[in-house]
Amino acid sequence: MKVYSLLVLPENKDTLLAGTENGVMISKDGGENWNVFDETRLITAMTLMPNGKDIIGYSINNMVSGVMISQDNGESWSSIGLDLGEDAASSISVNQKDEKQIAVSTFSTSLFETKDGGQKWDQIITTGKLK
């Protein structure tokens, strides 16, 4: 099984979420055992927001794809835009001093940035070429 992203939940260092080709998996024992957590979505990249508790990730499911934020450890997600179509995010970075500044790199080596929390996304690099 391909694993695209892995995150330790902040409330418990033994609880991990993994974005896999088969959906989101969860381990509550530090990675010893895994169970299906959400088989309706693929999360290709995820990290914690600067507040240390909310999760930001790139989520793909049947309804919507894009950068999303979860305030309940991955139970539900709210979109902040950037549907990449056939591409997907390989990593997400959030400015620790300004959570509205978010950068997303993609599997096709493109780079997107927002400075307003997702209202407007700018493409900085297109398939490896600086604009």
N, C-alpha and C. Protein backbone atom coordinates (compact mmCIF):
# COMPACT_ATOMS: atom_id res chain seq x y z
N MET A 1 0.85 -1.17 0.00
CA MET A 1 0.00 0.00 0.00
C MET A 1 0.90 1.23 0.00
N LYS A 2 0.59 2.19 -0.89
CA LYS A 2 1.36 3.43 -0.93
C LYS A 2 0.90 4.36 0.18
N VAL A 3 1.87 4.94 0.89
CA VAL A 3 1.58 5.94 1.92
C VAL A 3 2.07 7.28 1.38
N TYR A 4 1.16 8.27 1.34
CA TYR A 4 1.49 9.59 0.82
C TYR A 4 1.81 10.59 1.91
N SER A 5 1.18 10.42 3.07
CA SER A 5 1.39 11.38 4.15
C SER A 5 1.24 10.68 5.49
N LEU A 6 1.91 11.24 6.50
CA LEU A 6 1.88 10.67 7.84
C LEU A 6 1.94 11.80 8.84
N LEU A 7 1.11 11.72 9.88
CA LEU A 7 1.04 12.79 10.87
C LEU A 7 0.78 12.21 12.24
N VAL A 8 1.53 12.68 13.23
CA VAL A 8 1.28 12.35 14.63
C VAL A 8 0.29 13.37 15.16
N LEU A 9 -0.81 12.91 15.75
CA LEU A 9 -1.80 13.85 16.30
C LEU A 9 -1.26 14.48 17.57
N PRO A 10 -1.49 15.78 17.75
CA PRO A 10 -0.86 16.52 18.84
C PRO A 10 -1.30 16.12 20.25
N GLU A 11 -2.53 15.64 20.41
CA GLU A 11 -3.00 15.31 21.76
C GLU A 11 -2.41 14.01 22.29
N ASN A 12 -1.94 13.13 21.36
CA ASN A 12 -1.44 11.83 21.79
C ASN A 12 -0.38 11.37 20.80
N LYS A 13 0.86 11.30 21.24
CA LYS A 13 1.96 10.94 20.34
C LYS A 13 1.86 9.52 19.80
N ASP A 14 0.98 8.69 20.38
CA ASP A 14 0.80 7.33 19.89
C ASP A 14 -0.28 7.22 18.82
N THR A 15 -1.00 8.32 18.54
CA THR A 15 -2.05 8.31 17.53
C THR A 15 -1.51 8.94 16.25
N LEU A 16 -1.54 8.16 15.17
CA LEU A 16 -1.02 8.59 13.88
C LEU A 16 -2.09 8.47 12.82
N LEU A 17 -2.11 9.41 11.89
CA LEU A 17 -2.95 9.33 10.70
C LEU A 17 -2.03 9.15 9.49
N ALA A 18 -2.43 8.29 8.58
CA ALA A 18 -1.67 8.08 7.35
C ALA A 18 -2.59 8.22 6.16
N GLY A 19 -2.20 9.05 5.21
CA GLY A 19 -2.92 9.16 3.94
C GLY A 19 -2.37 8.12 3.00
N THR A 20 -3.17 7.13 2.64
CA THR A 20 -2.72 6.02 1.80
C THR A 20 -3.56 5.93 0.53
N GLU A 21 -3.14 5.08 -0.38
CA GLU A 21 -3.90 4.87 -1.60
C GLU A 21 -5.26 4.23 -1.33
N ASN A 22 -5.44 3.67 -0.14
CA ASN A 22 -6.71 3.04 0.23
C ASN A 22 -7.54 3.89 1.18
N GLY A 23 -7.18 5.16 1.35
CA GLY A 23 -7.89 6.04 2.26
C GLY A 23 -7.02 6.43 3.44
N VAL A 24 -7.65 6.99 4.45
CA VAL A 24 -6.92 7.43 5.64
C VAL A 24 -6.94 6.29 6.66
N MET A 25 -5.77 5.97 7.16
CA MET A 25 -5.62 4.92 8.17
C MET A 25 -5.26 5.59 9.50
N ILE A 26 -5.58 4.91 10.61
CA ILE A 26 -5.25 5.43 11.94
C ILE A 26 -4.59 4.34 12.76
N SER A 27 -3.61 4.74 13.54
CA SER A 27 -2.98 3.87 14.53
C SER A 27 -3.08 4.57 15.88
N LYS A 28 -3.49 3.85 16.88
CA LYS A 28 -3.58 4.42 18.23
C LYS A 28 -2.53 3.84 19.16
N ASP A 29 -1.60 3.07 18.58
CA ASP A 29 -0.55 2.46 19.39
C ASP A 29 0.84 2.69 18.80
N GLY A 30 1.07 3.91 18.30
CA GLY A 30 2.38 4.29 17.80
C GLY A 30 2.78 3.62 16.50
N GLY A 31 1.83 3.11 15.76
CA GLY A 31 2.13 2.50 14.46
C GLY A 31 2.20 0.99 14.46
N GLU A 32 1.96 0.37 15.59
CA GLU A 32 1.98 -1.10 15.66
C GLU A 32 0.83 -1.71 14.86
N ASN A 33 -0.36 -1.15 15.02
CA ASN A 33 -1.55 -1.65 14.35
C ASN A 33 -2.27 -0.49 13.66
N TRP A 34 -2.89 -0.78 12.53
CA TRP A 34 -3.57 0.24 11.74
C TRP A 34 -4.99 -0.20 11.41
N ASN A 35 -5.92 0.76 11.40
CA ASN A 35 -7.31 0.53 11.01
C ASN A 35 -7.74 1.60 10.02
N VAL A 36 -8.75 1.28 9.24
CA VAL A 36 -9.31 2.27 8.32
C VAL A 36 -9.99 3.35 9.14
N PHE A 37 -9.67 4.60 8.83
CA PHE A 37 -10.25 5.75 9.52
C PHE A 37 -11.26 6.45 8.61
N ASP A 38 -10.91 6.61 7.33
CA ASP A 38 -11.79 7.27 6.37
C ASP A 38 -11.46 6.74 4.99
N GLU A 39 -12.28 5.85 4.49
CA GLU A 39 -12.00 5.27 3.17
C GLU A 39 -12.59 6.08 2.02
N THR A 40 -13.18 7.24 2.33
CA THR A 40 -13.78 8.07 1.28
C THR A 40 -12.83 9.11 0.72
N ARG A 41 -11.65 9.28 1.32
CA ARG A 41 -10.75 10.33 0.85
C ARG A 41 -9.31 9.84 0.81
N LEU A 42 -8.53 10.51 -0.04
CA LEU A 42 -7.09 10.32 -0.12
C LEU A 42 -6.46 11.63 0.32
N ILE A 43 -5.55 11.57 1.26
CA ILE A 43 -4.84 12.77 1.70
C ILE A 43 -3.37 12.60 1.30
N THR A 44 -2.95 13.42 0.33
CA THR A 44 -1.61 13.26 -0.22
C THR A 44 -0.55 14.03 0.57
N ALA A 45 -0.97 15.02 1.33
CA ALA A 45 -0.02 15.80 2.14
C ALA A 45 -0.78 16.35 3.33
N MET A 46 -0.13 16.38 4.50
CA MET A 46 -0.76 16.99 5.68
C MET A 46 0.29 17.40 6.69
N THR A 47 -0.06 18.43 7.45
CA THR A 47 0.80 18.93 8.51
C THR A 47 -0.10 19.65 9.51
N LEU A 48 0.49 20.08 10.62
CA LEU A 48 -0.26 20.83 11.62
C LEU A 48 -0.21 22.32 11.31
N MET A 49 -1.29 22.99 11.63
CA MET A 49 -1.34 24.45 11.55
C MET A 49 -0.50 25.01 12.70
N PRO A 50 -0.08 26.28 12.63
CA PRO A 50 0.74 26.88 13.68
C PRO A 50 0.13 26.81 15.09
N ASN A 51 -1.20 26.69 15.19
CA ASN A 51 -1.81 26.59 16.52
C ASN A 51 -1.51 25.25 17.19
N GLY A 52 -0.92 24.31 16.44
CA GLY A 52 -0.51 23.04 17.01
C GLY A 52 -1.61 22.01 17.19
N LYS A 53 -2.83 22.31 16.72
CA LYS A 53 -3.90 21.33 16.88
C LYS A 53 -4.71 21.08 15.62
N ASP A 54 -4.90 22.08 14.76
CA ASP A 54 -5.65 21.87 13.53
C ASP A 54 -4.74 21.25 12.47
N ILE A 55 -5.34 20.40 11.61
CA ILE A 55 -4.61 19.73 10.55
C ILE A 55 -4.94 20.41 9.23
N ILE A 56 -3.92 20.64 8.41
CA ILE A 56 -4.12 21.12 7.05
C ILE A 56 -3.61 20.02 6.12
N GLY A 57 -4.38 19.74 5.07
CA GLY A 57 -3.98 18.68 4.16
C GLY A 57 -4.55 18.88 2.78
N TYR A 58 -4.03 18.13 1.83
CA TYR A 58 -4.61 18.11 0.49
C TYR A 58 -5.45 16.85 0.39
N SER A 59 -6.75 17.03 0.26
CA SER A 59 -7.71 15.93 0.29
C SER A 59 -8.39 15.76 -1.05
N ILE A 60 -8.54 14.51 -1.45
CA ILE A 60 -9.24 14.17 -2.68
C ILE A 60 -10.33 13.17 -2.33
N ASN A 61 -11.57 13.48 -2.72
CA ASN A 61 -12.64 12.49 -2.61
C ASN A 61 -13.60 12.67 -3.77
N ASN A 62 -14.72 11.98 -3.76
CA ASN A 62 -15.66 12.03 -4.89
C ASN A 62 -16.31 13.40 -5.05
N MET A 63 -16.44 14.15 -3.98
CA MET A 63 -17.17 15.42 -4.00
C MET A 63 -16.30 16.63 -4.32
N VAL A 64 -15.14 16.73 -3.66
CA VAL A 64 -14.30 17.92 -3.78
C VAL A 64 -12.84 17.55 -3.51
N SER A 65 -11.95 18.26 -4.16
CA SER A 65 -10.51 18.10 -3.92
C SER A 65 -9.94 19.47 -3.62
N GLY A 66 -8.89 19.51 -2.82
CA GLY A 66 -8.22 20.76 -2.54
C GLY A 66 -7.59 20.78 -1.17
N VAL A 67 -7.05 21.94 -0.82
CA VAL A 67 -6.45 22.14 0.49
C VAL A 67 -7.61 22.27 1.49
N MET A 68 -7.51 21.51 2.57
CA MET A 68 -8.58 21.51 3.56
C MET A 68 -8.02 21.55 4.96
N ILE A 69 -8.84 22.03 5.88
CA ILE A 69 -8.43 22.12 7.28
C ILE A 69 -9.41 21.30 8.12
N SER A 70 -8.87 20.55 9.07
CA SER A 70 -9.68 19.80 10.02
C SER A 70 -9.40 20.32 11.42
N GLN A 71 -10.45 20.63 12.14
CA GLN A 71 -10.31 21.09 13.53
C GLN A 71 -10.68 20.01 14.53
N ASP A 72 -10.93 18.78 14.02
CA ASP A 72 -11.34 17.68 14.89
C ASP A 72 -10.58 16.39 14.60
N ASN A 73 -9.27 16.53 14.42
CA ASN A 73 -8.37 15.38 14.20
C ASN A 73 -8.74 14.53 12.99
N GLY A 74 -9.23 15.17 11.94
CA GLY A 74 -9.50 14.46 10.70
C GLY A 74 -10.90 13.90 10.56
N GLU A 75 -11.78 14.16 11.51
CA GLU A 75 -13.16 13.67 11.42
C GLU A 75 -13.93 14.39 10.32
N SER A 76 -13.72 15.72 10.19
CA SER A 76 -14.38 16.51 9.15
C SER A 76 -13.38 17.52 8.60
N TRP A 77 -13.64 17.99 7.38
CA TRP A 77 -12.72 18.86 6.68
C TRP A 77 -13.46 20.03 6.04
N SER A 78 -12.83 21.22 6.05
CA SER A 78 -13.36 22.42 5.39
C SER A 78 -12.39 22.86 4.32
N SER A 79 -12.88 23.07 3.11
CA SER A 79 -12.04 23.42 1.98
C SER A 79 -11.61 24.89 2.03
N ILE A 80 -10.34 25.12 1.65
CA ILE A 80 -9.86 26.49 1.46
C ILE A 80 -9.34 26.66 0.02
N GLY A 81 -9.82 25.79 -0.88
CA GLY A 81 -9.54 25.95 -2.30
C GLY A 81 -8.37 25.16 -2.84
N LEU A 82 -7.95 25.53 -4.03
CA LEU A 82 -6.83 24.96 -4.78
C LEU A 82 -7.08 23.52 -5.22
N ASP A 83 -8.11 23.30 -6.00
CA ASP A 83 -8.32 22.00 -6.64
C ASP A 83 -7.30 21.88 -7.76
N LEU A 84 -6.42 20.90 -7.68
CA LEU A 84 -5.33 20.75 -8.64
C LEU A 84 -5.67 19.83 -9.81
N GLY A 85 -6.91 19.39 -9.90
CA GLY A 85 -7.32 18.54 -11.02
C GLY A 85 -6.58 17.22 -11.04
N GLU A 86 -5.85 16.95 -12.12
CA GLU A 86 -5.12 15.69 -12.27
C GLU A 86 -3.88 15.62 -11.38
N ASP A 87 -3.41 16.73 -10.89
CA ASP A 87 -2.23 16.79 -10.03
C ASP A 87 -2.68 16.70 -8.57
N ALA A 88 -1.75 16.65 -7.65
CA ALA A 88 -2.07 16.64 -6.21
C ALA A 88 -0.88 17.20 -5.45
N ALA A 89 -1.13 17.62 -4.23
CA ALA A 89 -0.07 18.19 -3.39
C ALA A 89 0.86 17.09 -2.88
N SER A 90 2.14 17.35 -2.97
CA SER A 90 3.12 16.43 -2.39
C SER A 90 3.57 16.93 -1.02
N SER A 91 3.45 18.24 -0.78
CA SER A 91 3.75 18.79 0.55
C SER A 91 3.04 20.12 0.74
N ILE A 92 2.81 20.44 2.01
CA ILE A 92 2.18 21.70 2.39
C ILE A 92 3.01 22.30 3.50
N SER A 93 3.29 23.60 3.40
CA SER A 93 4.00 24.33 4.45
C SER A 93 3.21 25.55 4.84
N VAL A 94 3.17 25.83 6.14
CA VAL A 94 2.45 26.98 6.65
C VAL A 94 3.45 27.85 7.42
N ASN A 95 3.43 29.14 7.13
CA ASN A 95 4.29 30.09 7.84
C ASN A 95 3.90 30.07 9.32
N GLN A 96 4.84 29.76 10.19
CA GLN A 96 4.56 29.64 11.62
C GLN A 96 4.20 30.97 12.27
N LYS A 97 4.56 32.09 11.64
CA LYS A 97 4.24 33.41 12.18
C LYS A 97 3.03 34.04 11.52
N ASP A 98 2.57 33.45 10.40
CA ASP A 98 1.41 33.98 9.68
C ASP A 98 0.69 32.81 9.02
N GLU A 99 -0.29 32.23 9.71
CA GLU A 99 -0.96 31.02 9.21
C GLU A 99 -1.75 31.23 7.93
N LYS A 100 -1.90 32.47 7.48
CA LYS A 100 -2.59 32.72 6.22
C LYS A 100 -1.67 32.52 5.02
N GLN A 101 -0.35 32.44 5.27
CA GLN A 101 0.60 32.19 4.19
C GLN A 101 0.89 30.69 4.14
N ILE A 102 0.44 30.09 3.04
CA ILE A 102 0.54 28.64 2.86
C ILE A 102 1.16 28.37 1.50
N ALA A 103 2.09 27.44 1.44
CA ALA A 103 2.71 27.02 0.19
C ALA A 103 2.40 25.55 -0.05
N VAL A 104 2.11 25.21 -1.30
CA VAL A 104 1.79 23.84 -1.69
C VAL A 104 2.65 23.46 -2.88
N SER A 105 3.44 22.39 -2.73
CA SER A 105 4.17 21.85 -3.88
C SER A 105 3.41 20.63 -4.38
N THR A 106 3.55 20.34 -5.67
CA THR A 106 2.77 19.26 -6.27
C THR A 106 3.67 18.16 -6.82
N PHE A 107 3.04 17.04 -7.13
CA PHE A 107 3.78 15.92 -7.71
C PHE A 107 4.34 16.26 -9.08
N SER A 108 3.73 17.23 -9.78
CA SER A 108 4.25 17.64 -11.10
C SER A 108 5.26 18.78 -10.97
N THR A 109 5.80 18.99 -9.78
CA THR A 109 6.82 20.01 -9.46
C THR A 109 6.35 21.44 -9.69
N SER A 110 5.10 21.70 -9.40
CA SER A 110 4.59 23.07 -9.41
C SER A 110 4.52 23.56 -7.97
N LEU A 111 4.45 24.89 -7.81
CA LEU A 111 4.39 25.48 -6.48
C LEU A 111 3.32 26.57 -6.47
N PHE A 112 2.44 26.50 -5.48
CA PHE A 112 1.37 27.47 -5.31
C PHE A 112 1.52 28.12 -3.94
N GLU A 113 1.05 29.39 -3.85
CA GLU A 113 1.13 30.09 -2.57
C GLU A 113 -0.12 30.94 -2.38
N THR A 114 -0.58 31.01 -1.14
CA THR A 114 -1.61 31.95 -0.76
C THR A 114 -1.08 32.77 0.40
N LYS A 115 -1.42 34.03 0.42
CA LYS A 115 -1.02 34.89 1.53
C LYS A 115 -2.24 35.35 2.32
N ASP A 116 -3.43 34.86 1.90
CA ASP A 116 -4.66 35.29 2.55
C ASP A 116 -5.52 34.10 3.03
N GLY A 117 -4.88 33.00 3.35
CA GLY A 117 -5.60 31.86 3.90
C GLY A 117 -6.41 31.08 2.88
N GLY A 118 -6.12 31.24 1.60
CA GLY A 118 -6.78 30.45 0.57
C GLY A 118 -7.80 31.19 -0.27
N GLN A 119 -8.00 32.47 -0.01
CA GLN A 119 -8.93 33.25 -0.85
C GLN A 119 -8.40 33.36 -2.27
N LYS A 120 -7.07 33.55 -2.40
CA LYS A 120 -6.43 33.67 -3.71
C LYS A 120 -5.15 32.85 -3.69
N TRP A 121 -5.00 31.99 -4.68
CA TRP A 121 -3.79 31.18 -4.83
C TRP A 121 -3.01 31.66 -6.05
N ASP A 122 -1.69 31.82 -5.90
CA ASP A 122 -0.81 32.20 -7.00
C ASP A 122 0.09 31.02 -7.34
N GLN A 123 0.27 30.77 -8.64
CA GLN A 123 1.19 29.73 -9.07
C GLN A 123 2.56 30.37 -9.27
N ILE A 124 3.53 29.94 -8.46
CA ILE A 124 4.89 30.51 -8.48
C ILE A 124 5.78 29.73 -9.44
N ILE A 125 5.63 28.41 -9.45
CA ILE A 125 6.42 27.54 -10.32
C ILE A 125 5.45 26.62 -11.07
N THR A 126 5.67 26.47 -12.37
CA THR A 126 4.85 25.60 -13.19
C THR A 126 5.72 24.47 -13.72
N THR A 127 5.41 23.26 -13.32
CA THR A 127 6.18 22.06 -13.69
C THR A 127 7.69 22.33 -13.74
N GLY A 128 8.19 22.84 -12.64
CA GLY A 128 9.63 23.04 -12.49
C GLY A 128 10.18 24.33 -13.03
N LYS A 129 9.36 25.18 -13.63
CA LYS A 129 9.86 26.43 -14.21
C LYS A 129 9.28 27.62 -13.46
N LEU A 130 10.19 28.47 -12.96
CA LEU A 130 9.80 29.68 -12.26
C LEU A 130 9.09 30.63 -13.19
N LYS A 131 7.99 31.21 -12.72
CA LYS A 131 7.24 32.17 -13.55
C LYS A 131 7.95 33.48 -13.64
